[in-house]
């Protein structure tokens, strides 16, 4: 885990536009390290990234537990599992038929391009692998970047609903900025550091769940209350 002491080489003093980075430091001080992603292996991260689309993590955990209990929780076994069985096992995660196909699509990509070996897949450059993942049906930008960052330790910043909510409320971007523009905003104003990208995203998730809610944000109790100028509380 990255330490943030007095001699930190990535202190805000080195960054003339510190807003993005200082928000990170503020959240880190308030919440501490998050130890994300909650998984026992890179493959579990990938499966979790696909299953967590449009559902709460508690439901993903139930689906992952079913796959492990069925003793098919490895690329080869899952690839050989029929879609009906896979759908039944991941039912707790919701949209189970769609997600079963998405898992199968990813596994087809893994076996056709890398003979089922994640270690071979990680040998690809960030740019090349990201481009290929985005061509897999059912793998969007957030899912691809979660796979790259949390499973592959590639230096890419993940943008999710919590991140978008924060930057809109604090007016850090224009209303029409898209995923890529928002991602560039963070990566331009942060050191190119996988651990920081990992920790920052996890801290934003924590913030979104505890303080920056969709309906009634707790702005006066929020660790970022010092950044409250022109906050939009109705988004």
Protein backbone atom coordinates (compact mmCIF):
# COMPACT_ATOMS: atom_id res chain seq x y z
CA UNK A 1 0.00 0.00 0.00
CA UNK A 2 1.25 3.48 -0.82
CA UNK A 3 2.26 5.48 2.24
CA UNK A 4 1.51 9.19 2.50
CA UNK A 5 4.09 10.55 4.92
CA UNK A 6 5.85 13.88 5.20
CA UNK A 7 8.48 12.89 2.64
CA UNK A 8 5.95 11.58 0.15
CA UNK A 9 7.35 12.09 -3.36
CA UNK A 10 3.85 12.64 -4.68
CA UNK A 11 2.92 15.35 -2.23
CA UNK A 12 0.44 18.00 -3.41
CA UNK A 13 3.28 20.54 -3.52
CA UNK A 14 4.48 18.90 -6.73
CA UNK A 15 1.10 19.34 -8.39
CA UNK A 16 0.01 22.91 -9.28
CA UNK A 17 -3.57 21.73 -9.95
CA UNK A 18 -4.15 19.75 -6.74
CA UNK A 19 -7.95 19.48 -6.54
CA UNK A 20 -8.25 15.88 -7.76
CA UNK A 21 -5.23 14.74 -5.79
CA UNK A 22 -6.15 16.61 -2.63
CA UNK A 23 -9.61 15.06 -2.69
CA UNK A 24 -7.85 11.71 -2.75
CA UNK A 25 -5.64 12.65 0.22
CA UNK A 26 -8.66 13.91 2.15
CA UNK A 27 -10.58 10.68 1.60
CA UNK A 28 -7.56 8.54 2.39
CA UNK A 29 -7.07 10.38 5.68
CA UNK A 30 -10.77 10.04 6.52
CA UNK A 31 -11.33 6.40 5.55
CA UNK A 32 -7.90 4.77 5.46
CA UNK A 33 -6.87 2.01 3.02
CA UNK A 34 -9.78 0.06 1.56
CA UNK A 35 -7.97 -3.15 0.53
CA UNK A 36 -9.91 -3.49 -2.70
CA UNK A 37 -10.88 -5.54 -4.78
CA UNK A 38 -12.53 -8.10 -2.45
CA UNK A 39 -11.33 -11.31 -4.15
CA UNK A 40 -8.98 -14.24 -3.66
CA UNK A 41 -7.57 -14.28 -7.19
CA UNK A 42 -7.41 -12.26 -10.43
CA UNK A 43 -9.94 -14.63 -11.98
CA UNK A 44 -12.38 -13.95 -9.16
CA UNK A 45 -11.91 -10.21 -9.77
CA UNK A 46 -12.85 -10.68 -13.41
CA UNK A 47 -15.94 -12.72 -12.62
CA UNK A 48 -16.93 -10.19 -9.98
CA UNK A 49 -16.47 -7.29 -12.39
CA UNK A 50 -18.89 -8.91 -14.83
CA UNK A 51 -21.40 -10.02 -12.21
CA UNK A 52 -21.52 -6.69 -10.37
CA UNK A 53 -23.09 -4.89 -13.33
CA UNK A 54 -26.44 -3.45 -12.17
CA UNK A 55 -26.48 -5.16 -8.80
CA UNK A 56 -25.21 -4.85 -5.24
CA UNK A 57 -21.99 -6.58 -4.25
CA UNK A 58 -23.76 -8.72 -1.65
CA UNK A 59 -25.60 -10.42 -4.53
CA UNK A 60 -22.35 -10.96 -6.40
CA UNK A 61 -20.88 -12.69 -3.37
CA UNK A 62 -23.78 -15.16 -3.36
CA UNK A 63 -23.28 -15.92 -7.05
CA UNK A 64 -19.53 -16.40 -6.61
CA UNK A 65 -20.15 -18.68 -3.64
CA UNK A 66 -22.46 -20.83 -5.78
CA UNK A 67 -19.79 -21.20 -8.46
CA UNK A 68 -17.19 -22.18 -5.89
CA UNK A 69 -19.52 -24.66 -4.20
CA UNK A 70 -20.19 -26.25 -7.59
CA UNK A 71 -16.41 -26.68 -7.96
CA UNK A 72 -16.32 -25.06 -11.38
CA UNK A 73 -14.67 -21.80 -10.40
CA UNK A 74 -11.78 -21.82 -12.86
CA UNK A 75 -11.60 -20.76 -16.52
CA UNK A 76 -11.57 -24.27 -18.00
CA UNK A 77 -14.47 -25.60 -15.91
CA UNK A 78 -16.64 -22.52 -16.43
CA UNK A 79 -15.96 -22.54 -20.17
CA UNK A 80 -17.20 -26.13 -20.33
CA UNK A 81 -20.33 -25.36 -18.29
CA UNK A 82 -23.53 -24.98 -20.29
CA UNK A 83 -25.29 -21.62 -20.16
CA UNK A 84 -28.39 -23.01 -18.43
CA UNK A 85 -26.35 -24.32 -15.50
CA UNK A 86 -24.25 -21.17 -15.33
CA UNK A 87 -27.36 -18.99 -15.34
CA UNK A 88 -28.87 -20.97 -12.51
CA UNK A 89 -25.75 -20.69 -10.36
CA UNK A 90 -25.35 -16.93 -10.81
CA UNK A 91 -29.06 -16.16 -10.39
CA UNK A 92 -28.49 -14.12 -7.17
CA UNK A 93 -26.56 -11.52 -9.19
CA UNK A 94 -29.60 -10.67 -11.31
CA UNK A 95 -29.84 -10.50 -15.11
CA UNK A 96 -28.44 -14.02 -14.86
CA UNK A 97 -29.09 -15.09 -18.46
CA UNK A 98 -27.36 -12.00 -19.83
CA UNK A 99 -24.47 -12.30 -17.40
CA UNK A 100 -24.01 -15.97 -18.18
CA UNK A 101 -23.56 -15.04 -21.84
CA UNK A 102 -21.15 -12.24 -20.89
CA UNK A 103 -19.05 -14.64 -18.83
CA UNK A 104 -19.07 -17.11 -21.70
CA UNK A 105 -18.07 -14.36 -24.13
CA UNK A 106 -15.12 -13.39 -21.96
CA UNK A 107 -14.02 -17.01 -21.58
CA UNK A 108 -14.26 -17.53 -25.33
CA UNK A 109 -11.99 -14.52 -25.76
CA UNK A 110 -9.57 -15.83 -23.12
CA UNK A 111 -9.29 -19.27 -24.71
CA UNK A 112 -9.25 -18.17 -28.34
CA UNK A 113 -6.64 -15.45 -27.81
CA UNK A 114 -4.58 -16.74 -24.86
CA UNK A 115 -5.32 -20.47 -24.60
CA UNK A 116 -7.19 -19.82 -21.36
CA UNK A 117 -4.13 -18.44 -19.56
CA UNK A 118 -4.57 -15.15 -17.71
CA UNK A 119 -0.80 -14.85 -17.37
CA UNK A 120 -0.53 -14.64 -21.15
CA UNK A 121 -3.31 -12.07 -21.32
CA UNK A 122 -1.51 -9.79 -18.84
CA UNK A 123 1.54 -9.74 -21.10
CA UNK A 124 -0.40 -7.50 -23.47
CA UNK A 125 0.11 -3.76 -23.18
CA UNK A 126 -2.58 -1.79 -21.40
CA UNK A 127 -3.72 -0.07 -24.58
CA UNK A 128 -3.84 -3.24 -26.66
CA UNK A 129 -5.62 -5.35 -24.04
CA UNK A 130 -8.16 -2.63 -23.28
CA UNK A 131 -9.02 -2.33 -26.96
CA UNK A 132 -9.51 -6.09 -27.22
CA UNK A 133 -11.60 -6.34 -24.04
CA UNK A 134 -13.95 -3.62 -25.27
CA UNK A 135 -14.67 -5.75 -28.34
CA UNK A 136 -15.93 -8.62 -26.17
CA UNK A 137 -19.75 -8.48 -26.15
CA UNK A 138 -20.99 -7.38 -22.73
CA UNK A 139 -17.69 -5.83 -21.60
CA UNK A 140 -18.06 -2.05 -21.34
CA UNK A 141 -15.53 0.56 -20.27
CA UNK A 142 -16.08 0.31 -16.51
CA UNK A 143 -15.94 -3.49 -16.55
CA UNK A 144 -12.87 -3.54 -18.79
CA UNK A 145 -11.04 -1.01 -16.65
CA UNK A 146 -11.94 -2.87 -13.44
CA UNK A 147 -10.46 -6.02 -14.96
CA UNK A 148 -7.33 -4.18 -16.07
CA UNK A 149 -6.75 -2.36 -12.78
CA UNK A 150 -7.83 -4.83 -10.13
CA UNK A 151 -7.05 -8.16 -11.81
CA UNK A 152 -4.19 -7.14 -14.10
CA UNK A 153 -2.59 -4.33 -12.04
CA UNK A 154 -2.60 -2.09 -15.11
CA UNK A 155 -2.48 1.69 -14.46
CA UNK A 156 -5.97 2.73 -15.56
CA UNK A 157 -8.51 4.74 -13.54
CA UNK A 158 -11.98 3.22 -13.18
CA UNK A 159 -14.96 5.54 -13.59
CA UNK A 160 -18.25 4.50 -12.03
CA UNK A 161 -21.54 6.03 -10.89
CA UNK A 162 -20.06 7.20 -7.59
CA UNK A 163 -17.23 9.00 -9.38
CA UNK A 164 -19.58 10.70 -11.81
CA UNK A 165 -21.84 11.81 -8.97
CA UNK A 166 -18.94 13.38 -7.09
CA UNK A 167 -17.48 15.31 -10.00
CA UNK A 168 -20.88 16.60 -11.12
CA UNK A 169 -21.84 17.77 -7.64
CA UNK A 170 -18.52 19.51 -7.19
CA UNK A 171 -18.58 20.82 -10.77
CA UNK A 172 -15.27 19.28 -11.75
CA UNK A 173 -16.47 18.59 -15.27
CA UNK A 174 -18.92 19.79 -17.84
CA UNK A 175 -22.39 18.25 -17.86
CA UNK A 176 -21.80 16.49 -21.18
CA UNK A 177 -18.32 15.09 -20.48
CA UNK A 178 -18.20 11.35 -21.16
CA UNK A 179 -16.42 8.39 -19.56
CA UNK A 180 -13.18 8.94 -21.43
CA UNK A 181 -13.02 12.66 -20.66
CA UNK A 182 -13.67 12.05 -16.98
CA UNK A 183 -11.05 9.31 -16.91
CA UNK A 184 -8.51 11.67 -18.47
CA UNK A 185 -9.35 14.30 -15.85
CA UNK A 186 -8.29 11.95 -13.06
CA UNK A 187 -5.30 10.43 -14.80
CA UNK A 188 -3.95 13.82 -15.86
CA UNK A 189 -4.03 15.11 -12.27
CA UNK A 190 -2.72 12.01 -10.52
CA UNK A 191 0.62 10.22 -10.52
CA UNK A 192 0.64 7.23 -12.88
CA UNK A 193 0.40 4.77 -10.04
CA UNK A 194 -1.69 1.60 -9.98
CA UNK A 195 -2.04 1.56 -6.19
CA UNK A 196 -3.32 5.14 -6.11
CA UNK A 197 -5.84 4.44 -8.89
CA UNK A 198 -6.95 1.35 -6.99
CA UNK A 199 -7.25 3.11 -3.66
CA UNK A 200 -8.89 6.26 -5.04
CA UNK A 201 -11.66 4.35 -6.80
CA UNK A 202 -12.33 2.30 -3.66
CA UNK A 203 -12.43 5.47 -1.55
CA UNK A 204 -14.95 7.05 -3.92
CA UNK A 205 -17.17 3.97 -3.63
CA UNK A 206 -16.98 4.26 0.17
CA UNK A 207 -17.80 7.97 -0.04
CA UNK A 208 -20.76 7.34 -2.33
CA UNK A 209 -22.24 4.69 -0.08
CA UNK A 210 -21.75 6.52 3.21
CA UNK A 211 -22.15 10.22 2.39
CA UNK A 212 -22.69 11.12 -1.27
CA UNK A 213 -25.99 9.30 -1.73
CA UNK A 214 -28.07 9.61 -4.84
CA UNK A 215 -31.13 11.13 -3.13
CA UNK A 216 -29.99 12.83 0.09
CA UNK A 217 -26.26 13.53 0.27
CA UNK A 218 -24.91 14.15 3.77
CA UNK A 219 -22.82 17.12 2.72
CA UNK A 220 -22.29 18.65 6.17
CA UNK A 221 -20.96 15.35 7.56
CA UNK A 222 -18.93 14.49 4.46
CA UNK A 223 -15.11 14.50 4.62
CA UNK A 224 -15.23 16.69 1.50
CA UNK A 225 -17.35 19.40 3.11
CA UNK A 226 -14.40 21.77 2.60
CA UNK A 227 -15.00 21.47 -1.15
CA UNK A 228 -18.65 22.46 -0.98
CA UNK A 229 -18.62 25.54 -3.24
CA UNK A 230 -21.43 25.26 -5.75
CA UNK A 231 -22.21 21.66 -4.92
CA UNK A 232 -25.19 20.38 -6.88
CA UNK A 233 -27.27 18.36 -4.44
CA UNK A 234 -30.06 17.47 -6.85
CA UNK A 235 -28.15 15.17 -9.21
